[in-house]
Protein backbone atom coordinates (compact mmCIF):
# COMPACT_ATOMS: atom_id res chain seq x y z
CA UNK A 1 109.39 185.13 157.98
CA UNK A 2 109.91 181.95 155.38
CA UNK A 3 107.83 179.21 155.11
CA UNK A 4 108.82 175.65 156.72
CA UNK A 5 107.31 173.87 154.15
CA UNK A 6 109.19 175.82 151.19
CA UNK A 7 112.53 175.72 153.02
CA UNK A 8 111.79 171.91 153.28
CA UNK A 9 111.08 171.37 149.52
CA UNK A 10 114.46 173.25 149.06
CA UNK A 11 116.61 171.01 151.08
CA UNK A 12 115.09 168.15 149.69
CA UNK A 13 116.25 168.84 146.18
CA UNK A 14 119.44 169.91 147.63
CA UNK A 15 119.91 166.47 149.11
CA UNK A 16 119.06 165.05 146.05
CA UNK A 17 121.52 166.67 143.68
CA UNK A 18 124.28 165.62 146.02
CA UNK A 19 122.71 161.97 146.50
CA UNK A 20 123.22 161.86 142.74
CA UNK A 21 126.51 162.96 142.73
CA UNK A 22 127.38 160.51 145.19
CA UNK A 23 126.09 157.40 143.45
CA UNK A 24 127.52 159.30 140.27
CA UNK A 25 130.93 158.83 142.34
CA UNK A 26 130.15 155.35 143.64
CA UNK A 27 129.24 153.83 140.30
CA UNK A 28 132.61 155.70 138.79
CA UNK A 29 134.94 153.96 141.64
CA UNK A 30 133.85 150.31 142.29
CA UNK A 31 135.96 150.49 145.81
CA UNK A 32 134.06 152.99 146.62
CA UNK A 33 131.15 150.32 147.39
CA UNK A 34 133.66 148.41 149.99
CA UNK A 35 133.72 151.70 152.12
CA UNK A 36 129.36 151.41 151.89
CA UNK A 37 129.64 148.06 153.10
CA UNK A 38 131.66 148.75 156.49
CA UNK A 39 130.04 152.14 157.03
CA UNK A 40 126.73 150.88 157.36
CA UNK A 41 126.68 148.84 160.56
CA UNK A 42 128.79 152.42 162.00
CA UNK A 43 125.88 154.70 161.14
CA UNK A 44 123.07 151.70 162.09
CA UNK A 45 125.24 151.94 165.54
CA UNK A 46 125.81 156.11 165.48
CA UNK A 47 121.91 157.19 164.42
CA UNK A 48 120.32 154.35 166.90
CA UNK A 49 122.09 155.18 169.81
CA UNK A 50 122.33 158.96 169.51
CA UNK A 51 118.27 158.91 169.86
CA UNK A 52 117.43 156.03 172.22
CA UNK A 53 120.06 159.18 174.42
CA UNK A 54 117.89 161.90 173.61
CA UNK A 55 114.48 159.61 173.83
CA UNK A 56 115.93 157.48 177.20
CA UNK A 57 116.84 161.11 178.99
CA UNK A 58 113.75 162.63 177.92
CA UNK A 59 111.93 159.89 179.66
CA UNK A 60 114.04 160.22 182.74
CA UNK A 61 113.44 164.13 183.17
CA UNK A 62 109.58 163.59 183.08
CA UNK A 63 108.32 163.06 179.52
CA UNK A 64 106.92 160.02 178.45
CA UNK A 65 106.53 161.12 174.94
CA UNK A 66 109.52 159.20 173.45
CA UNK A 67 108.46 156.39 175.31
CA UNK A 68 104.76 156.40 174.00
CA UNK A 69 106.03 156.67 170.80
CA UNK A 70 107.69 153.75 170.71
CA UNK A 71 111.24 155.84 170.66
CA UNK A 72 112.30 154.20 173.79
CA UNK A 73 114.66 151.20 171.79
CA UNK A 74 117.57 149.79 170.66
CA UNK A 75 115.34 148.77 167.13
CA UNK A 76 117.59 150.59 164.29
CA UNK A 77 114.07 151.11 162.69
CA UNK A 78 112.39 152.84 165.09
CA UNK A 79 115.26 155.57 164.93
CA UNK A 80 116.43 155.61 160.97
CA UNK A 81 115.29 157.96 158.51
CA UNK A 82 115.46 156.63 155.23
CA UNK A 83 117.12 160.34 153.66
CA UNK A 84 119.33 161.07 156.91
CA UNK A 85 120.74 157.57 156.78
CA UNK A 86 121.36 157.26 152.95
CA UNK A 87 123.30 160.67 153.36
CA UNK A 88 125.31 159.63 156.08
CA UNK A 89 126.48 156.46 154.16
CA UNK A 90 127.12 157.87 150.96
CA UNK A 91 127.79 161.71 152.08
CA UNK A 92 129.50 161.42 155.27
CA UNK A 93 126.65 163.64 156.96
CA UNK A 94 123.27 162.84 157.80
CA UNK A 95 120.64 162.27 160.82
CA UNK A 96 118.25 160.02 162.50
CA UNK A 97 114.54 160.29 162.70
CA UNK A 98 114.28 163.01 165.19
CA UNK A 99 113.00 162.45 168.76
CA UNK A 100 109.10 163.90 169.76
CA UNK A 101 109.32 165.84 173.20
CA UNK A 102 107.16 167.96 175.29
CA UNK A 103 109.14 170.47 177.66
CA UNK A 104 105.80 170.90 180.14
CA UNK A 105 105.95 167.73 180.68
CA UNK A 106 109.44 167.92 182.48
CA UNK A 107 110.57 167.61 185.90
CA UNK A 108 109.95 170.63 187.79
CA UNK A 109 112.89 170.72 189.75
CA UNK A 110 114.93 172.71 187.06
CA UNK A 111 113.80 175.32 184.02
CA UNK A 112 112.44 173.62 180.79
CA UNK A 113 115.62 175.30 178.84
CA UNK A 114 117.82 173.61 181.07
CA UNK A 115 115.80 170.26 180.78
CA UNK A 116 115.91 170.83 176.92
CA UNK A 117 119.49 171.29 176.77
CA UNK A 118 120.18 168.30 179.24
CA UNK A 119 117.87 165.71 176.72
CA UNK A 120 120.18 167.37 173.16
CA UNK A 121 123.84 167.00 174.50
CA UNK A 122 122.64 163.19 175.69
CA UNK A 123 122.89 162.19 171.59
CA UNK A 124 125.78 163.34 171.51
CA UNK A 125 127.61 162.42 174.77
CA UNK A 126 126.48 158.97 173.74
CA UNK A 127 128.15 159.02 170.76
CA UNK A 128 131.76 159.82 172.32
CA UNK A 129 130.98 157.51 175.01
CA UNK A 130 130.13 154.94 172.14
CA UNK A 131 133.57 155.90 170.07
CA UNK A 132 135.89 154.83 173.26
CA UNK A 133 134.14 151.55 174.42
CA UNK A 134 134.54 150.51 170.49
CA UNK A 135 138.08 152.29 170.33
CA UNK A 136 138.87 149.71 173.60
CA UNK A 137 137.61 146.64 171.86
CA UNK A 138 139.58 148.19 168.55
CA UNK A 139 142.80 147.66 171.05
CA UNK A 140 141.48 144.53 172.75
CA UNK A 141 141.50 143.02 169.08
CA UNK A 142 144.29 144.36 168.23
CA UNK A 143 146.51 143.05 171.10
CA UNK A 144 144.96 139.99 172.21
CA UNK A 145 144.06 138.83 168.32
CA UNK A 146 146.79 136.77 166.48
CA UNK A 147 148.46 138.19 163.62
CA UNK A 148 147.06 135.29 161.08
CA UNK A 149 143.59 136.52 162.40
CA UNK A 150 144.53 140.07 161.84
CA UNK A 151 145.86 139.77 158.46
CA UNK A 152 142.65 137.32 156.91
CA UNK A 153 139.95 138.88 155.32
CA UNK A 154 137.59 138.24 158.26
CA UNK A 155 139.67 139.87 160.68
CA UNK A 156 140.80 142.55 157.88
CA UNK A 157 136.69 143.25 157.90
CA UNK A 158 136.54 143.13 161.50
CA UNK A 159 138.98 146.04 162.11
CA UNK A 160 137.84 148.33 159.46
CA UNK A 161 134.18 148.27 160.76
CA UNK A 162 135.34 148.77 164.67
CA UNK A 163 137.17 151.97 163.24
CA UNK A 164 134.58 153.21 161.22
CA UNK A 165 132.12 153.26 164.30
CA UNK A 166 134.71 155.07 166.10
CA UNK A 167 135.15 157.66 163.59
CA UNK A 168 131.25 157.95 162.91
CA UNK A 169 129.81 158.27 166.30
CA UNK A 170 132.52 161.67 167.11
CA UNK A 171 131.94 162.53 163.68
CA UNK A 172 127.92 162.79 164.15
CA UNK A 173 128.44 163.90 167.61
CA UNK A 174 130.54 166.61 166.91
CA UNK A 175 128.60 167.43 164.01
CA UNK A 176 125.09 167.69 165.88
CA UNK A 177 127.29 169.89 168.27
CA UNK A 178 127.07 173.07 165.92
CA UNK A 179 124.98 175.86 167.74
CA UNK A 180 122.95 176.03 164.81
CA UNK A 181 119.29 174.99 164.31
CA UNK A 182 118.30 172.11 163.88
CA UNK A 183 121.08 170.60 165.67
CA UNK A 184 121.69 170.05 169.09
CA UNK A 185 123.84 172.46 169.55
CA UNK A 186 121.24 175.21 169.29
CA UNK A 187 119.59 174.09 172.52
CA UNK A 188 122.70 172.95 174.27
CA UNK A 189 123.68 176.80 174.17
CA UNK A 190 120.43 178.19 175.43
CA UNK A 191 120.97 178.43 178.85
CA UNK A 192 124.18 179.85 178.80
CA UNK A 193 122.95 182.69 176.61
CA UNK A 194 121.92 186.05 178.32
CA UNK A 195 118.30 186.78 178.02
CA UNK A 196 118.54 189.34 174.83
CA UNK A 197 120.77 186.75 173.02
CA UNK A 198 118.35 184.37 173.60
CA UNK A 199 115.66 186.24 172.09
CA UNK A 200 117.44 187.38 169.17
CA UNK A 201 118.50 183.70 168.64
CA UNK A 202 115.08 182.43 169.07
CA UNK A 203 113.27 185.05 166.95
CA UNK A 204 115.88 184.79 164.16
CA UNK A 205 115.55 180.93 163.95
CA UNK A 206 114.98 181.12 159.74
CA UNK A 207 118.28 182.63 159.64
CA UNK A 208 120.22 180.68 161.21
CA UNK A 209 118.75 177.53 159.73
CA UNK A 210 119.88 179.30 156.08
CA UNK A 211 123.59 179.52 157.55
CA UNK A 212 123.54 175.85 158.72
CA UNK A 213 121.97 174.65 155.18
CA UNK A 214 124.73 176.50 153.69
CA UNK A 215 127.49 175.59 155.64
CA UNK A 216 126.43 172.10 155.51
CA UNK A 217 126.09 171.93 151.26
CA UNK A 218 129.23 173.78 150.55
CA UNK A 219 131.74 172.22 153.52
CA UNK A 220 132.65 174.02 155.67
CA UNK A 221 130.60 172.24 158.32
CA UNK A 222 133.38 169.27 157.31
CA UNK A 223 135.75 172.36 157.65
CA UNK A 224 135.16 173.89 160.75
CA UNK A 225 134.72 170.27 162.68
CA UNK A 226 137.34 168.54 161.24
CA UNK A 227 139.74 169.94 164.14
CA UNK A 228 137.80 168.67 166.81
CA UNK A 229 136.91 165.23 165.39
CA UNK A 230 140.85 164.96 164.28
CA UNK A 231 141.23 165.92 168.47
CA UNK A 232 138.70 164.16 169.94
CA UNK A 233 139.71 160.92 167.51
CA UNK A 234 143.59 160.68 168.90
CA UNK A 235 142.47 161.30 172.18
CA UNK A 236 140.00 158.69 172.75
CA UNK A 237 142.42 156.41 170.86
CA UNK A 238 145.81 157.40 172.76
CA UNK A 239 143.60 156.78 175.85
CA UNK A 240 142.36 153.17 175.00
CA UNK A 241 145.94 152.04 173.58
CA UNK A 242 147.60 153.21 176.72
CA UNK A 243 145.16 151.24 178.72
CA UNK A 244 146.11 148.10 176.87
CA UNK A 245 149.62 148.94 176.85
CA UNK A 246 150.37 149.56 173.27
CA UNK A 247 152.05 152.53 173.14
CA UNK A 248 150.88 156.58 172.00
C-alpha cells in the first residue's frame, strides 16, 4: 500500500515542475498572455458549474454534506482549487476543489454505488450541457452581430472567450470521464462492473492512481481523449450551426 501523503508530495513536486515549465514558456512567448486572459473566464465557468453539479445532485439524492459546507453555490471561490485552477490555466488540465459527499445519506431508493455514479456523472454532463449552451450563444452572436462588431477588438475578444468556454468545458468533461481514480469516470463505471472486477478495482486503487499520474504528466491522457474532444466539439458546433441556419 502506498502512503497517500507521500503520493501527494510527489504529485505537488511534479505540478511545480510543470508550472515552472509553463511559466518559462509564457515569459518566452508574450502572445500566450493573451491566451491566458481569454481562457480565465472559461476556467471559472467550467470548474464552478462542474463542482456545483456534483453538489446539487448529491443534495437532491439526500446527502446535504455539500450544502452544509457551502458548496451548493455558483460562487467560483467556493469551488476553485488554487493549484488545480492554475494548472488548467497554464497547462490545459486541472481540477476544482472536490465536493465532499457521505454515501450513507443517499436515498435508499437505489444503491449507494448507483447514487455515487450519478453524482460523479453530473459534473461532466454539466460541462457538455454548458458547451452546447455557449455554442448556441456563439452562433447567435455570429449570425446577428454586425460585421463591424465582429471585426472590432471587443467583438473578437468576446468570440474568443465564447470559443474558449466551449472547448474548456468539453475538455474538462471528457478528461473527467477517464475511468481512473481520482477522476469521476472511476466511480461512473462501478455499477457496470462484475463483482470480482469491482473488488479488484477497489483493492488496486493506488496502482490506478499511479497510472493516472503517469498518463497525465506524459501527455498520454491528452492523446487518448483528443479524438473524443474533437468529435464532441464538432458535433455540438454543427448542431448549433444547424439550429441557426449557418450551414455545416
